[in-house]
Amino acid sequence: MKLLKEFKEFAVKGNMMDMAIGIIIGAAFNKVIDVLAKQVILPPLSLLSDGVSFQDKKIILREGVSNASGEITVSEVAVEYGALIEVFIDFLIIGFTIFIVVKAMNKLRRKAQDTTDETVVTPKDIELLSDLKQLMQEQNKILQSNVSK
């Protein structure tokens, strides 16, 4: 019963919904990055390497052997490092894109938390904390002036 209660608290607090939204957005973001890497960035790189596709890059350890009728009797053994190159490029693109998105979001967050900037609406909790801080500073000045007299 305790486990059910903890799950209910988890679901009600919004954590489950936040996770679900994050997973859905992540899946959609993955599709965008996949297309960006495979259809936008890799073709020019392939052109620079004389039209060789990265997927075709491999080191053959043992050639495949086929009999007279064309059936493969011994399959090829190869290290396909081209796939690793593609995945690494995908990783770099994803990492850089996430860096740019987080950097933009942090800039917007800092701007929203700046109570002196009137171009952006400051969240109510930040505004209230700023007002409390100003009131405490004024109160400390008054107390210090009374003590020094």
N, C-alpha and C. Protein backbone atom coordinates (compact mmCIF):
# COMPACT_ATOMS: atom_id res chain seq x y z
N MET A 1 0.82 -1.20 0.00
CA MET A 1 0.00 0.00 0.00
C MET A 1 0.86 1.26 0.00
N LYS A 2 2.00 1.21 0.68
CA LYS A 2 2.87 2.37 0.73
C LYS A 2 3.41 2.70 -0.67
N LEU A 3 3.71 1.68 -1.44
CA LEU A 3 4.20 1.88 -2.79
C LEU A 3 3.14 2.55 -3.66
N LEU A 4 1.90 2.14 -3.53
CA LEU A 4 0.80 2.74 -4.27
C LEU A 4 0.62 4.20 -3.89
N LYS A 5 0.75 4.49 -2.59
CA LYS A 5 0.62 5.87 -2.09
C LYS A 5 1.75 6.74 -2.66
N GLU A 6 2.98 6.21 -2.68
CA GLU A 6 4.11 6.96 -3.23
C GLU A 6 3.92 7.22 -4.72
N PHE A 7 3.39 6.20 -5.43
CA PHE A 7 3.14 6.38 -6.86
C PHE A 7 2.08 7.45 -7.09
N LYS A 8 1.04 7.46 -6.28
CA LYS A 8 -0.01 8.46 -6.40
C LYS A 8 0.55 9.86 -6.18
N GLU A 9 1.40 10.02 -5.17
CA GLU A 9 2.02 11.32 -4.91
C GLU A 9 2.90 11.74 -6.10
N PHE A 10 3.64 10.80 -6.63
CA PHE A 10 4.51 11.06 -7.79
C PHE A 10 3.68 11.54 -8.98
N ALA A 11 2.58 10.84 -9.25
CA ALA A 11 1.75 11.17 -10.41
C ALA A 11 1.02 12.50 -10.21
N VAL A 12 0.56 12.76 -8.99
CA VAL A 12 -0.22 13.96 -8.73
C VAL A 12 0.67 15.21 -8.74
N LYS A 13 1.90 15.10 -8.30
CA LYS A 13 2.78 16.26 -8.24
C LYS A 13 3.17 16.76 -9.62
N GLY A 14 2.90 16.02 -10.64
CA GLY A 14 3.22 16.47 -11.98
C GLY A 14 4.51 15.89 -12.54
N ASN A 15 5.25 15.17 -11.72
CA ASN A 15 6.51 14.60 -12.20
C ASN A 15 6.28 13.66 -13.37
N MET A 16 5.23 12.86 -13.29
CA MET A 16 4.95 11.89 -14.35
C MET A 16 4.61 12.60 -15.66
N MET A 17 3.83 13.66 -15.56
CA MET A 17 3.46 14.40 -16.76
C MET A 17 4.68 15.10 -17.35
N ASP A 18 5.53 15.67 -16.49
CA ASP A 18 6.75 16.31 -16.97
C ASP A 18 7.64 15.32 -17.69
N MET A 19 7.76 14.12 -17.12
CA MET A 19 8.57 13.08 -17.75
C MET A 19 7.98 12.67 -19.09
N ALA A 20 6.68 12.48 -19.14
CA ALA A 20 6.02 12.06 -20.38
C ALA A 20 6.21 13.12 -21.47
N ILE A 21 6.03 14.37 -21.11
CA ILE A 21 6.21 15.45 -22.09
C ILE A 21 7.66 15.49 -22.55
N GLY A 22 8.59 15.33 -21.62
CA GLY A 22 10.00 15.33 -21.98
C GLY A 22 10.36 14.19 -22.92
N ILE A 23 9.81 13.02 -22.68
CA ILE A 23 10.09 11.86 -23.53
C ILE A 23 9.52 12.07 -24.93
N ILE A 24 8.30 12.60 -25.00
CA ILE A 24 7.67 12.85 -26.31
C ILE A 24 8.46 13.90 -27.09
N ILE A 25 8.83 14.99 -26.43
CA ILE A 25 9.60 16.02 -27.11
C ILE A 25 10.97 15.48 -27.50
N GLY A 26 11.57 14.66 -26.65
CA GLY A 26 12.87 14.06 -26.96
C GLY A 26 12.80 13.16 -28.18
N ALA A 27 11.73 12.39 -28.30
CA ALA A 27 11.57 11.51 -29.48
C ALA A 27 11.43 12.34 -30.75
N ALA A 28 10.64 13.41 -30.69
CA ALA A 28 10.48 14.27 -31.86
C ALA A 28 11.80 14.98 -32.19
N PHE A 29 12.50 15.41 -31.17
CA PHE A 29 13.79 16.08 -31.35
C PHE A 29 14.79 15.13 -31.98
N ASN A 30 14.73 13.86 -31.59
CA ASN A 30 15.63 12.84 -32.16
C ASN A 30 15.40 12.69 -33.66
N LYS A 31 14.14 12.73 -34.09
CA LYS A 31 13.84 12.62 -35.52
C LYS A 31 14.41 13.81 -36.29
N VAL A 32 14.28 15.00 -35.72
CA VAL A 32 14.80 16.20 -36.37
C VAL A 32 16.31 16.11 -36.50
N ILE A 33 16.98 15.71 -35.44
CA ILE A 33 18.44 15.60 -35.46
C ILE A 33 18.89 14.51 -36.44
N ASP A 34 18.15 13.41 -36.48
CA ASP A 34 18.49 12.32 -37.39
C ASP A 34 18.46 12.80 -38.84
N VAL A 35 17.41 13.52 -39.21
CA VAL A 35 17.31 14.05 -40.57
C VAL A 35 18.40 15.10 -40.81
N LEU A 36 18.63 15.96 -39.82
CA LEU A 36 19.66 16.99 -39.96
C LEU A 36 21.03 16.36 -40.20
N ALA A 37 21.33 15.33 -39.45
CA ALA A 37 22.64 14.69 -39.58
C ALA A 37 22.76 13.91 -40.89
N LYS A 38 21.78 13.05 -41.16
CA LYS A 38 21.90 12.13 -42.30
C LYS A 38 21.61 12.77 -43.65
N GLN A 39 20.75 13.79 -43.69
CA GLN A 39 20.35 14.34 -44.98
C GLN A 39 20.84 15.76 -45.23
N VAL A 40 21.38 16.42 -44.20
CA VAL A 40 21.86 17.78 -44.39
C VAL A 40 23.38 17.87 -44.21
N ILE A 41 23.90 17.27 -43.16
CA ILE A 41 25.32 17.42 -42.84
C ILE A 41 26.18 16.34 -43.49
N LEU A 42 25.75 15.09 -43.45
CA LEU A 42 26.57 14.01 -44.00
C LEU A 42 26.76 14.05 -45.52
N PRO A 43 25.76 14.45 -46.32
CA PRO A 43 26.01 14.51 -47.76
C PRO A 43 27.17 15.44 -48.17
N PRO A 44 27.26 16.66 -47.62
CA PRO A 44 28.44 17.48 -47.98
C PRO A 44 29.75 16.86 -47.49
N LEU A 45 29.74 16.23 -46.33
CA LEU A 45 30.94 15.55 -45.86
C LEU A 45 31.31 14.40 -46.79
N SER A 46 30.31 13.70 -47.27
CA SER A 46 30.54 12.60 -48.21
C SER A 46 31.10 13.15 -49.52
N LEU A 47 30.61 14.30 -49.95
CA LEU A 47 31.10 14.93 -51.17
C LEU A 47 32.57 15.33 -51.01
N LEU A 48 32.92 15.82 -49.83
CA LEU A 48 34.32 16.19 -49.57
C LEU A 48 35.24 14.98 -49.59
N SER A 49 34.67 13.82 -49.25
CA SER A 49 35.49 12.60 -49.24
C SER A 49 35.31 11.82 -50.54
N ASP A 50 35.09 12.53 -51.63
CA ASP A 50 34.96 11.93 -52.97
C ASP A 50 33.73 11.05 -53.13
N GLY A 51 32.62 11.42 -52.50
CA GLY A 51 31.37 10.71 -52.68
C GLY A 51 31.26 9.40 -51.92
N VAL A 52 32.19 9.11 -51.02
CA VAL A 52 32.15 7.88 -50.26
C VAL A 52 31.19 8.05 -49.09
N SER A 53 30.27 7.15 -48.95
CA SER A 53 29.32 7.21 -47.84
C SER A 53 29.98 6.66 -46.58
N PHE A 54 29.73 7.34 -45.47
CA PHE A 54 30.32 6.89 -44.21
C PHE A 54 29.80 5.50 -43.82
N GLN A 55 28.55 5.21 -44.18
CA GLN A 55 27.99 3.89 -43.83
C GLN A 55 28.74 2.76 -44.48
N ASP A 56 29.35 3.01 -45.63
CA ASP A 56 30.07 1.96 -46.35
C ASP A 56 31.49 1.75 -45.84
N LYS A 57 31.95 2.59 -44.95
CA LYS A 57 33.31 2.48 -44.44
C LYS A 57 33.41 1.28 -43.49
N LYS A 58 34.36 0.40 -43.79
CA LYS A 58 34.55 -0.77 -42.93
C LYS A 58 35.93 -1.36 -43.17
N ILE A 59 36.38 -2.09 -42.18
CA ILE A 59 37.63 -2.85 -42.28
C ILE A 59 37.26 -4.32 -42.37
N ILE A 60 37.58 -4.95 -43.48
CA ILE A 60 37.21 -6.35 -43.68
C ILE A 60 38.27 -7.23 -43.01
N LEU A 61 37.81 -8.03 -42.06
CA LEU A 61 38.71 -8.96 -41.37
C LEU A 61 38.78 -10.29 -42.10
N ARG A 62 37.63 -10.70 -42.67
CA ARG A 62 37.59 -11.94 -43.45
C ARG A 62 36.59 -11.75 -44.58
N GLU A 63 37.05 -12.02 -45.78
CA GLU A 63 36.19 -11.89 -46.95
C GLU A 63 35.10 -12.96 -46.91
N GLY A 64 33.94 -12.61 -47.45
CA GLY A 64 32.88 -13.59 -47.58
C GLY A 64 33.19 -14.55 -48.72
N VAL A 65 32.80 -15.80 -48.57
CA VAL A 65 33.06 -16.82 -49.59
C VAL A 65 31.72 -17.35 -50.08
N SER A 66 31.59 -17.42 -51.40
CA SER A 66 30.36 -17.99 -51.95
C SER A 66 30.73 -19.15 -52.88
N ASN A 67 29.81 -20.09 -53.02
CA ASN A 67 30.07 -21.26 -53.88
C ASN A 67 29.73 -20.93 -55.33
N ALA A 68 29.81 -21.89 -56.20
CA ALA A 68 29.60 -21.69 -57.64
C ALA A 68 28.19 -21.23 -57.97
N SER A 69 27.22 -21.62 -57.16
CA SER A 69 25.83 -21.22 -57.44
C SER A 69 25.52 -19.83 -56.88
N GLY A 70 26.47 -19.18 -56.19
CA GLY A 70 26.27 -17.82 -55.68
C GLY A 70 25.79 -17.76 -54.25
N GLU A 71 25.62 -18.91 -53.61
CA GLU A 71 25.19 -18.92 -52.21
C GLU A 71 26.40 -18.61 -51.33
N ILE A 72 26.18 -17.82 -50.32
CA ILE A 72 27.26 -17.46 -49.40
C ILE A 72 27.49 -18.63 -48.44
N THR A 73 28.69 -19.17 -48.47
CA THR A 73 29.02 -20.28 -47.57
C THR A 73 29.71 -19.78 -46.31
N VAL A 74 30.52 -18.75 -46.44
CA VAL A 74 31.17 -18.13 -45.28
C VAL A 74 30.88 -16.64 -45.35
N SER A 75 30.26 -16.13 -44.32
CA SER A 75 29.88 -14.72 -44.35
C SER A 75 31.08 -13.82 -44.03
N GLU A 76 30.99 -12.61 -44.50
CA GLU A 76 32.05 -11.63 -44.31
C GLU A 76 32.10 -11.19 -42.85
N VAL A 77 33.29 -10.99 -42.34
CA VAL A 77 33.49 -10.45 -40.99
C VAL A 77 34.20 -9.11 -41.17
N ALA A 78 33.55 -8.04 -40.68
CA ALA A 78 34.11 -6.71 -40.89
C ALA A 78 33.80 -5.81 -39.69
N VAL A 79 34.68 -4.85 -39.46
CA VAL A 79 34.46 -3.80 -38.46
C VAL A 79 33.90 -2.61 -39.22
N GLU A 80 32.65 -2.31 -38.99
CA GLU A 80 31.99 -1.23 -39.72
C GLU A 80 32.11 0.07 -38.94
N TYR A 81 33.23 0.73 -39.09
CA TYR A 81 33.49 1.96 -38.34
C TYR A 81 32.73 3.16 -38.92
N GLY A 82 32.21 3.04 -40.11
CA GLY A 82 31.43 4.13 -40.72
C GLY A 82 30.19 4.44 -39.92
N ALA A 83 29.53 3.40 -39.41
CA ALA A 83 28.34 3.61 -38.59
C ALA A 83 28.71 4.37 -37.31
N LEU A 84 29.88 4.07 -36.76
CA LEU A 84 30.35 4.78 -35.57
C LEU A 84 30.58 6.26 -35.88
N ILE A 85 31.13 6.54 -37.05
CA ILE A 85 31.36 7.94 -37.44
C ILE A 85 30.02 8.67 -37.54
N GLU A 86 29.02 8.04 -38.16
CA GLU A 86 27.70 8.66 -38.27
C GLU A 86 27.07 8.92 -36.91
N VAL A 87 27.15 7.94 -36.02
CA VAL A 87 26.57 8.10 -34.69
C VAL A 87 27.31 9.20 -33.92
N PHE A 88 28.62 9.26 -34.09
CA PHE A 88 29.40 10.30 -33.43
C PHE A 88 29.02 11.68 -33.94
N ILE A 89 28.81 11.82 -35.24
CA ILE A 89 28.37 13.09 -35.81
C ILE A 89 26.98 13.45 -35.28
N ASP A 90 26.08 12.46 -35.21
CA ASP A 90 24.75 12.68 -34.61
C ASP A 90 24.90 13.20 -33.19
N PHE A 91 25.78 12.56 -32.42
CA PHE A 91 25.99 12.95 -31.03
C PHE A 91 26.48 14.40 -30.94
N LEU A 92 27.43 14.78 -31.78
CA LEU A 92 27.94 16.15 -31.76
C LEU A 92 26.85 17.16 -32.12
N ILE A 93 26.04 16.81 -33.11
CA ILE A 93 24.95 17.71 -33.51
C ILE A 93 23.94 17.85 -32.38
N ILE A 94 23.56 16.73 -31.77
CA ILE A 94 22.61 16.78 -30.66
C ILE A 94 23.19 17.59 -29.50
N GLY A 95 24.43 17.31 -29.15
CA GLY A 95 25.06 18.04 -28.05
C GLY A 95 25.12 19.53 -28.30
N PHE A 96 25.52 19.92 -29.51
CA PHE A 96 25.61 21.34 -29.83
C PHE A 96 24.23 21.99 -29.84
N THR A 97 23.24 21.30 -30.40
CA THR A 97 21.88 21.85 -30.44
C THR A 97 21.31 22.02 -29.04
N ILE A 98 21.50 21.03 -28.19
CA ILE A 98 21.02 21.14 -26.81
C ILE A 98 21.74 22.28 -26.09
N PHE A 99 23.04 22.43 -26.34
CA PHE A 99 23.79 23.53 -25.74
C PHE A 99 23.19 24.88 -26.13
N ILE A 100 22.88 25.05 -27.41
CA ILE A 100 22.30 26.30 -27.89
C ILE A 100 20.92 26.54 -27.26
N VAL A 101 20.09 25.50 -27.20
CA VAL A 101 18.74 25.65 -26.62
C VAL A 101 18.83 26.00 -25.14
N VAL A 102 19.69 25.30 -24.38
CA VAL A 102 19.83 25.57 -22.95
C VAL A 102 20.39 26.97 -22.73
N LYS A 103 21.35 27.37 -23.57
CA LYS A 103 21.92 28.71 -23.44
C LYS A 103 20.84 29.77 -23.66
N ALA A 104 20.00 29.59 -24.66
CA ALA A 104 18.91 30.54 -24.92
C ALA A 104 17.90 30.55 -23.78
N MET A 105 17.58 29.39 -23.25
CA MET A 105 16.62 29.32 -22.15
C MET A 105 17.19 29.98 -20.89
N ASN A 106 18.48 29.77 -20.62
CA ASN A 106 19.10 30.41 -19.46
C ASN A 106 19.11 31.93 -19.61
N LYS A 107 19.33 32.41 -20.83
CA LYS A 107 19.31 33.85 -21.08
C LYS A 107 17.91 34.41 -20.80
N LEU A 108 16.89 33.70 -21.29
CA LEU A 108 15.52 34.14 -21.04
C LEU A 108 15.17 34.07 -19.56
N ARG A 109 15.65 33.04 -18.87
CA ARG A 109 15.38 32.89 -17.43
C ARG A 109 16.04 34.03 -16.65
N ARG A 110 17.31 34.33 -16.99
CA ARG A 110 17.99 35.44 -16.29
C ARG A 110 17.27 36.76 -16.54
N LYS A 111 16.80 36.95 -17.77
CA LYS A 111 16.09 38.18 -18.11
C LYS A 111 14.76 38.25 -17.35
N ALA A 112 14.09 37.13 -17.21
CA ALA A 112 12.81 37.11 -16.49
C ALA A 112 13.01 37.31 -14.99
N GLN A 113 14.14 36.88 -14.46
CA GLN A 113 14.38 37.02 -13.02
C GLN A 113 14.96 38.38 -12.65
N ASP A 114 15.34 39.18 -13.65
CA ASP A 114 15.86 40.51 -13.39
C ASP A 114 14.68 41.44 -13.13
N THR A 115 14.53 41.84 -11.88
CA THR A 115 13.37 42.66 -11.51
C THR A 115 13.47 44.09 -12.03
N THR A 116 14.66 44.53 -12.40
CA THR A 116 14.82 45.89 -12.92
C THR A 116 14.49 45.99 -14.40
N ASP A 117 14.50 44.88 -15.11
CA ASP A 117 14.20 44.87 -16.54
C ASP A 117 12.69 44.86 -16.74
N GLU A 118 12.18 45.94 -17.31
CA GLU A 118 10.73 46.06 -17.47
C GLU A 118 10.24 45.57 -18.83
N THR A 119 11.15 45.08 -19.67
CA THR A 119 10.74 44.58 -20.99
C THR A 119 10.15 43.18 -20.90
N VAL A 120 10.44 42.48 -19.81
CA VAL A 120 9.95 41.12 -19.63
C VAL A 120 9.16 41.06 -18.32
N VAL A 121 8.07 40.33 -18.33
CA VAL A 121 7.27 40.17 -17.13
C VAL A 121 8.01 39.28 -16.14
N THR A 122 8.24 39.82 -14.94
CA THR A 122 8.93 39.06 -13.90
C THR A 122 7.93 38.14 -13.21
N PRO A 123 8.30 36.86 -12.98
CA PRO A 123 7.39 35.97 -12.27
C PRO A 123 7.02 36.53 -10.90
N LYS A 124 5.82 36.25 -10.46
CA LYS A 124 5.29 36.83 -9.23
C LYS A 124 6.15 36.47 -8.02
N ASP A 125 6.63 35.22 -7.94
CA ASP A 125 7.43 34.84 -6.78
C ASP A 125 8.74 35.60 -6.72
N ILE A 126 9.37 35.83 -7.87
CA ILE A 126 10.62 36.59 -7.91
C ILE A 126 10.36 38.05 -7.52
N GLU A 127 9.24 38.58 -8.01
CA GLU A 127 8.87 39.96 -7.69
C GLU A 127 8.64 40.13 -6.19
N LEU A 128 7.94 39.19 -5.59
CA LEU A 128 7.67 39.26 -4.15
C LEU A 128 8.96 39.14 -3.34
N LEU A 129 9.85 38.24 -3.74
CA LEU A 129 11.13 38.11 -3.05
C LEU A 129 11.95 39.38 -3.18
N SER A 130 11.92 40.01 -4.33
CA SER A 130 12.65 41.26 -4.53
C SER A 130 12.09 42.36 -3.64
N ASP A 131 10.76 42.44 -3.54
CA ASP A 131 10.13 43.43 -2.66
C ASP A 131 10.51 43.18 -1.20
N LEU A 132 10.52 41.91 -0.79
CA LEU A 132 10.93 41.57 0.58
C LEU A 132 12.37 41.99 0.84
N LYS A 133 13.23 41.74 -0.13
CA LYS A 133 14.64 42.10 0.01
C LYS A 133 14.79 43.61 0.18
N GLN A 134 14.06 44.40 -0.62
CA GLN A 134 14.14 45.85 -0.51
C GLN A 134 13.63 46.32 0.85
N LEU A 135 12.53 45.75 1.32
CA LEU A 135 11.99 46.12 2.62
C LEU A 135 12.96 45.80 3.74
N MET A 136 13.62 44.65 3.66
CA MET A 136 14.59 44.27 4.70
C MET A 136 15.80 45.21 4.67
N GLN A 137 16.24 45.60 3.49
CA GLN A 137 17.36 46.53 3.40
C GLN A 137 17.00 47.89 4.00
N GLU A 138 15.79 48.38 3.72
CA GLU A 138 15.33 49.63 4.31
C GLU A 138 15.23 49.53 5.82
N GLN A 139 14.71 48.41 6.31
CA GLN A 139 14.58 48.20 7.75
C GLN A 139 15.96 48.15 8.42
N ASN A 140 16.92 47.50 7.78
CA ASN A 140 18.27 47.44 8.34
C ASN A 140 18.91 48.83 8.40
N LYS A 141 18.67 49.66 7.39
CA LYS A 141 19.19 51.03 7.41
C LYS A 141 18.62 51.81 8.56
N ILE A 142 17.30 51.67 8.78
CA ILE A 142 16.64 52.39 9.88
C ILE A 142 17.19 51.91 11.21
N LEU A 143 17.34 50.60 11.38
CA LEU A 143 17.88 50.05 12.62
C LEU A 143 19.31 50.50 12.86
N GLN A 144 20.11 50.54 11.84
CA GLN A 144 21.52 50.96 11.97
C GLN A 144 21.60 52.44 12.34
N SER A 145 20.73 53.25 11.78
CA SER A 145 20.74 54.69 12.10
C SER A 145 20.31 54.92 13.55
N ASN A 146 19.35 54.11 14.06
CA ASN A 146 18.91 54.22 15.44
C ASN A 146 19.98 53.77 16.41
N VAL A 147 20.76 52.75 16.05
CA VAL A 147 21.81 52.22 16.91
C VAL A 147 22.97 53.22 17.00
N SER A 148 23.28 53.87 15.90
CA SER A 148 24.42 54.79 15.86
C SER A 148 24.12 56.10 16.60
N LYS A 149 22.85 56.40 16.90
CA LYS A 149 22.49 57.64 17.61
C LYS A 149 22.70 57.50 19.05
